[in-house]
N, C-alpha and C. Protein backbone atom coordinates (compact mmCIF):
# COMPACT_ATOMS: atom_id res chain seq x y z
N UNK A 1 235.47 248.96 142.96
CA UNK A 1 235.03 249.59 141.74
C UNK A 1 235.38 248.68 140.57
N UNK A 2 234.42 248.45 139.70
CA UNK A 2 234.70 247.59 138.56
C UNK A 2 235.51 248.37 137.53
N UNK A 3 236.21 247.62 136.69
CA UNK A 3 237.13 248.24 135.73
C UNK A 3 236.43 249.22 134.81
N UNK A 4 235.23 248.92 134.35
CA UNK A 4 234.60 249.82 133.38
C UNK A 4 234.20 251.15 134.00
N UNK A 5 234.13 251.25 135.32
CA UNK A 5 233.80 252.52 135.96
C UNK A 5 235.01 253.44 136.05
N UNK A 6 236.21 252.91 136.01
CA UNK A 6 237.39 253.76 136.15
C UNK A 6 238.03 254.10 134.81
N UNK A 7 237.51 253.60 133.72
CA UNK A 7 238.10 253.87 132.41
C UNK A 7 237.25 254.91 131.70
N UNK A 8 237.50 256.16 132.05
CA UNK A 8 236.87 257.27 131.33
C UNK A 8 237.74 258.49 131.47
N UNK A 9 237.60 259.37 130.52
CA UNK A 9 238.43 260.56 130.52
C UNK A 9 239.65 260.37 129.64
N UNK A 10 240.69 261.11 129.95
CA UNK A 10 241.92 261.11 129.16
C UNK A 10 242.96 260.22 129.83
N UNK A 11 243.38 259.16 129.13
CA UNK A 11 244.45 258.28 129.59
C UNK A 11 245.69 258.60 128.76
N UNK A 12 246.78 258.90 129.43
CA UNK A 12 248.03 259.20 128.73
C UNK A 12 248.72 257.89 128.38
N UNK A 13 249.17 257.79 127.14
CA UNK A 13 249.97 256.64 126.71
C UNK A 13 251.42 256.97 127.07
N UNK A 14 251.86 256.46 128.21
CA UNK A 14 253.18 256.81 128.75
C UNK A 14 254.29 256.07 128.02
N UNK A 15 255.40 256.76 127.87
CA UNK A 15 256.60 256.11 127.33
C UNK A 15 257.14 255.15 128.38
N UNK A 16 258.05 254.29 127.99
CA UNK A 16 258.72 253.40 128.92
C UNK A 16 260.16 253.88 129.06
N UNK A 17 260.46 254.62 130.14
CA UNK A 17 261.83 255.13 130.30
C UNK A 17 262.82 253.99 130.46
N UNK A 18 263.95 254.11 129.79
CA UNK A 18 264.99 253.08 129.86
C UNK A 18 266.17 253.58 130.68
N UNK A 19 266.89 252.64 131.25
CA UNK A 19 268.13 252.97 131.94
C UNK A 19 269.12 253.53 130.93
N UNK A 20 270.11 254.23 131.42
CA UNK A 20 271.10 254.83 130.53
C UNK A 20 271.72 253.80 129.60
N UNK A 21 271.89 252.58 130.10
CA UNK A 21 272.46 251.51 129.27
C UNK A 21 271.51 251.09 128.16
N UNK A 22 270.22 251.46 128.29
CA UNK A 22 269.23 251.08 127.30
C UNK A 22 268.69 249.68 127.47
N UNK A 23 269.15 248.97 128.49
CA UNK A 23 268.76 247.57 128.66
C UNK A 23 267.50 247.42 129.47
N UNK A 24 267.48 247.98 130.67
CA UNK A 24 266.34 247.79 131.57
C UNK A 24 265.47 249.03 131.67
N UNK A 25 264.38 248.90 132.40
CA UNK A 25 263.47 250.01 132.64
C UNK A 25 264.03 250.88 133.75
N UNK A 26 263.93 252.18 133.59
CA UNK A 26 264.29 253.13 134.64
C UNK A 26 263.04 253.33 135.49
N UNK A 27 262.94 252.55 136.57
CA UNK A 27 261.73 252.56 137.39
C UNK A 27 261.53 253.90 138.08
N UNK A 28 262.60 254.56 138.48
CA UNK A 28 262.48 255.88 139.09
C UNK A 28 261.87 256.88 138.13
N UNK A 29 262.33 256.86 136.88
CA UNK A 29 261.80 257.76 135.86
C UNK A 29 260.35 257.42 135.52
N UNK A 30 260.03 256.13 135.50
CA UNK A 30 258.65 255.72 135.22
C UNK A 30 257.70 256.23 136.31
N UNK A 31 258.13 256.13 137.57
CA UNK A 31 257.33 256.63 138.67
C UNK A 31 257.20 258.14 138.63
N UNK A 32 258.30 258.83 138.33
CA UNK A 32 258.26 260.29 138.24
C UNK A 32 257.35 260.74 137.10
N UNK A 33 257.36 260.01 135.99
CA UNK A 33 256.47 260.32 134.88
C UNK A 33 255.01 260.17 135.30
N UNK A 34 254.70 259.12 136.05
CA UNK A 34 253.33 258.92 136.54
C UNK A 34 252.90 260.08 137.43
N UNK A 35 253.79 260.50 138.32
CA UNK A 35 253.47 261.64 139.20
C UNK A 35 253.26 262.91 138.38
N UNK A 36 254.08 263.13 137.37
CA UNK A 36 253.95 264.29 136.50
C UNK A 36 252.59 264.27 135.78
N UNK A 37 252.25 263.14 135.21
CA UNK A 37 250.98 263.04 134.48
C UNK A 37 249.79 263.27 135.40
N UNK A 38 249.85 262.71 136.60
CA UNK A 38 248.77 262.92 137.57
C UNK A 38 248.66 264.40 137.93
N UNK A 39 249.79 265.05 138.18
CA UNK A 39 249.79 266.47 138.55
C UNK A 39 249.26 267.36 137.43
N UNK A 40 249.33 266.88 136.19
CA UNK A 40 248.89 267.68 135.05
C UNK A 40 247.51 267.27 134.53
N UNK A 41 246.77 266.52 135.33
CA UNK A 41 245.35 266.36 135.09
C UNK A 41 244.86 265.22 134.23
N UNK A 42 245.70 264.24 133.90
CA UNK A 42 245.16 263.11 133.16
C UNK A 42 244.29 262.26 134.08
N UNK A 43 243.40 261.48 133.50
CA UNK A 43 242.49 260.64 134.28
C UNK A 43 243.01 259.23 134.51
N UNK A 44 244.04 258.84 133.76
CA UNK A 44 244.61 257.50 133.89
C UNK A 44 245.86 257.40 133.04
N UNK A 45 246.55 256.26 133.20
CA UNK A 45 247.81 256.05 132.49
C UNK A 45 247.80 254.66 131.85
N UNK A 46 248.27 254.59 130.61
CA UNK A 46 248.48 253.29 129.98
C UNK A 46 249.98 253.07 129.84
N UNK A 47 250.41 251.85 130.14
CA UNK A 47 251.83 251.51 130.12
C UNK A 47 252.12 250.40 129.11
N UNK A 48 253.35 250.40 128.64
CA UNK A 48 253.87 249.33 127.79
C UNK A 48 252.98 249.11 126.58
N UNK A 49 252.63 250.20 125.95
CA UNK A 49 251.69 250.18 124.85
C UNK A 49 252.18 249.52 123.58
N UNK A 50 251.62 249.92 122.50
CA UNK A 50 251.86 249.23 121.23
C UNK A 50 252.96 249.89 120.41
N UNK A 51 253.85 250.64 121.05
CA UNK A 51 254.94 251.26 120.29
C UNK A 51 256.15 250.35 120.18
N UNK A 52 256.01 249.12 120.63
CA UNK A 52 257.04 248.13 120.39
C UNK A 52 257.87 247.73 121.58
N UNK A 53 257.81 248.49 122.69
CA UNK A 53 258.69 248.15 123.79
C UNK A 53 258.33 246.83 124.46
N UNK A 54 257.09 246.37 124.35
CA UNK A 54 256.71 245.12 125.00
C UNK A 54 257.52 243.94 124.47
N UNK A 55 257.97 244.03 123.23
CA UNK A 55 258.75 242.94 122.64
C UNK A 55 260.10 242.79 123.34
N UNK A 56 260.62 243.88 123.87
CA UNK A 56 261.95 243.86 124.48
C UNK A 56 261.93 243.59 125.98
N UNK A 57 260.73 243.42 126.56
CA UNK A 57 260.62 243.24 128.01
C UNK A 57 260.26 241.81 128.37
N UNK A 58 260.79 241.36 129.46
CA UNK A 58 260.36 240.08 130.02
C UNK A 58 259.17 240.35 130.92
N UNK A 59 258.41 239.33 131.23
CA UNK A 59 257.22 239.49 132.05
C UNK A 59 257.54 240.15 133.39
N UNK A 60 258.68 239.80 134.00
CA UNK A 60 259.05 240.40 135.29
C UNK A 60 259.25 241.90 135.16
N UNK A 61 259.86 242.35 134.08
CA UNK A 61 260.08 243.78 133.87
C UNK A 61 258.77 244.52 133.68
N UNK A 62 257.87 243.93 132.91
CA UNK A 62 256.56 244.54 132.70
C UNK A 62 255.79 244.60 134.01
N UNK A 63 255.82 243.53 134.78
CA UNK A 63 255.13 243.50 136.07
C UNK A 63 255.71 244.56 137.00
N UNK A 64 257.03 244.63 137.07
CA UNK A 64 257.68 245.60 137.96
C UNK A 64 257.36 247.04 137.55
N UNK A 65 257.32 247.31 136.26
CA UNK A 65 256.99 248.66 135.79
C UNK A 65 255.57 249.03 136.20
N UNK A 66 254.64 248.12 136.01
CA UNK A 66 253.25 248.38 136.41
C UNK A 66 253.13 248.60 137.90
N UNK A 67 253.81 247.80 138.69
CA UNK A 67 253.74 247.94 140.14
C UNK A 67 254.32 249.26 140.61
N UNK A 68 255.44 249.69 140.01
CA UNK A 68 256.06 250.96 140.39
C UNK A 68 255.15 252.13 140.07
N UNK A 69 254.58 252.14 138.88
CA UNK A 69 253.70 253.24 138.50
C UNK A 69 252.45 253.24 139.38
N UNK A 70 251.87 252.09 139.65
CA UNK A 70 250.69 252.03 140.53
C UNK A 70 251.02 252.51 141.94
N UNK A 71 252.23 252.24 142.39
CA UNK A 71 252.65 252.67 143.72
C UNK A 71 252.78 254.19 143.80
N UNK A 72 253.13 254.83 142.68
CA UNK A 72 253.43 256.25 142.68
C UNK A 72 252.26 257.15 142.27
N UNK A 73 251.11 256.57 141.95
CA UNK A 73 249.96 257.39 141.54
C UNK A 73 248.67 256.79 142.06
N UNK A 74 247.67 257.63 142.19
CA UNK A 74 246.34 257.16 142.58
C UNK A 74 245.46 256.95 141.35
N UNK A 75 245.98 257.26 140.18
CA UNK A 75 245.23 257.13 138.94
C UNK A 75 245.05 255.67 138.54
N UNK A 76 243.99 255.37 137.77
CA UNK A 76 243.89 254.03 137.18
C UNK A 76 245.06 253.82 136.21
N UNK A 77 245.62 252.61 136.22
CA UNK A 77 246.74 252.28 135.36
C UNK A 77 246.38 251.04 134.55
N UNK A 78 246.46 251.16 133.23
CA UNK A 78 246.24 250.03 132.34
C UNK A 78 247.59 249.57 131.81
N UNK A 79 247.92 248.31 132.05
CA UNK A 79 249.21 247.78 131.61
C UNK A 79 248.98 246.81 130.46
N UNK A 80 249.66 247.05 129.36
CA UNK A 80 249.55 246.19 128.18
C UNK A 80 250.03 244.77 128.51
N UNK A 81 249.32 243.79 128.02
CA UNK A 81 249.70 242.39 128.24
C UNK A 81 250.08 241.73 126.92
N UNK A 82 250.82 242.45 126.10
CA UNK A 82 251.25 241.91 124.80
C UNK A 82 252.51 241.07 124.95
N UNK A 83 252.66 240.15 124.04
CA UNK A 83 253.83 239.27 124.04
C UNK A 83 254.00 238.78 122.61
N UNK A 84 255.16 238.26 122.31
CA UNK A 84 255.40 237.79 120.94
C UNK A 84 254.75 236.44 120.67
N UNK A 85 254.20 235.78 121.71
CA UNK A 85 253.47 234.53 121.52
C UNK A 85 252.10 234.63 122.19
N UNK A 86 251.15 233.86 121.70
CA UNK A 86 249.83 233.85 122.32
C UNK A 86 249.90 233.35 123.75
N UNK A 87 250.66 232.29 123.97
CA UNK A 87 250.78 231.75 125.33
C UNK A 87 251.38 232.78 126.28
N UNK A 88 252.36 233.53 125.82
CA UNK A 88 252.96 234.56 126.65
C UNK A 88 251.99 235.68 126.98
N UNK A 89 251.19 236.10 126.01
CA UNK A 89 250.20 237.15 126.25
C UNK A 89 249.13 236.69 127.22
N UNK A 90 248.68 235.45 127.07
CA UNK A 90 247.68 234.90 127.99
C UNK A 90 248.25 234.82 129.40
N UNK A 91 249.49 234.37 129.53
CA UNK A 91 250.12 234.27 130.85
C UNK A 91 250.24 235.65 131.50
N UNK A 92 250.63 236.66 130.72
CA UNK A 92 250.76 238.00 131.28
C UNK A 92 249.40 238.55 131.71
N UNK A 93 248.37 238.32 130.90
CA UNK A 93 247.03 238.80 131.25
C UNK A 93 246.51 238.09 132.49
N UNK A 94 246.73 236.80 132.60
CA UNK A 94 246.29 236.06 133.79
C UNK A 94 247.03 236.54 135.03
N UNK A 95 248.32 236.77 134.89
CA UNK A 95 249.12 237.26 136.02
C UNK A 95 248.58 238.63 136.47
N UNK A 96 248.28 239.52 135.53
CA UNK A 96 247.76 240.84 135.88
C UNK A 96 246.39 240.70 136.56
N UNK A 97 245.54 239.84 136.04
CA UNK A 97 244.22 239.64 136.64
C UNK A 97 244.32 239.07 138.05
N UNK A 98 245.27 238.18 138.27
CA UNK A 98 245.44 237.60 139.59
C UNK A 98 245.91 238.60 140.62
N UNK A 99 246.60 239.66 140.18
CA UNK A 99 247.13 240.67 141.10
C UNK A 99 246.17 241.81 141.34
N UNK A 100 245.10 241.91 140.57
CA UNK A 100 244.15 243.00 140.75
C UNK A 100 243.27 242.74 141.96
N UNK A 101 243.02 243.79 142.76
CA UNK A 101 242.11 243.61 143.90
C UNK A 101 240.69 243.37 143.41
N UNK A 102 239.99 242.55 144.10
CA UNK A 102 238.58 242.25 143.75
C UNK A 102 237.66 243.24 144.45
N UNK A 103 236.63 243.66 143.73
CA UNK A 103 235.66 244.62 144.29
C UNK A 103 234.71 243.93 145.24
């Protein structure tokens, strides 16, 4: 299925749960949030949006968050590829594109 066919309906802009220390992502909570949103009828989930958390994450953390949420839901998941530099944003977008299954 091409990307434009799965992007319709209501996509929830999910928060990025943090560990109690506030340093890393709470992957268990992120997965549980995805399951909750799916159970309550959203059509898709957007992660690491424009509320500023992308600035505090390394590419590995963003990748791991996306993978955990995708593992825990059947919904389409859109992961933000923002970075504080153009080169970083391009690298994140290329990495995401390389990991997407081809139709």
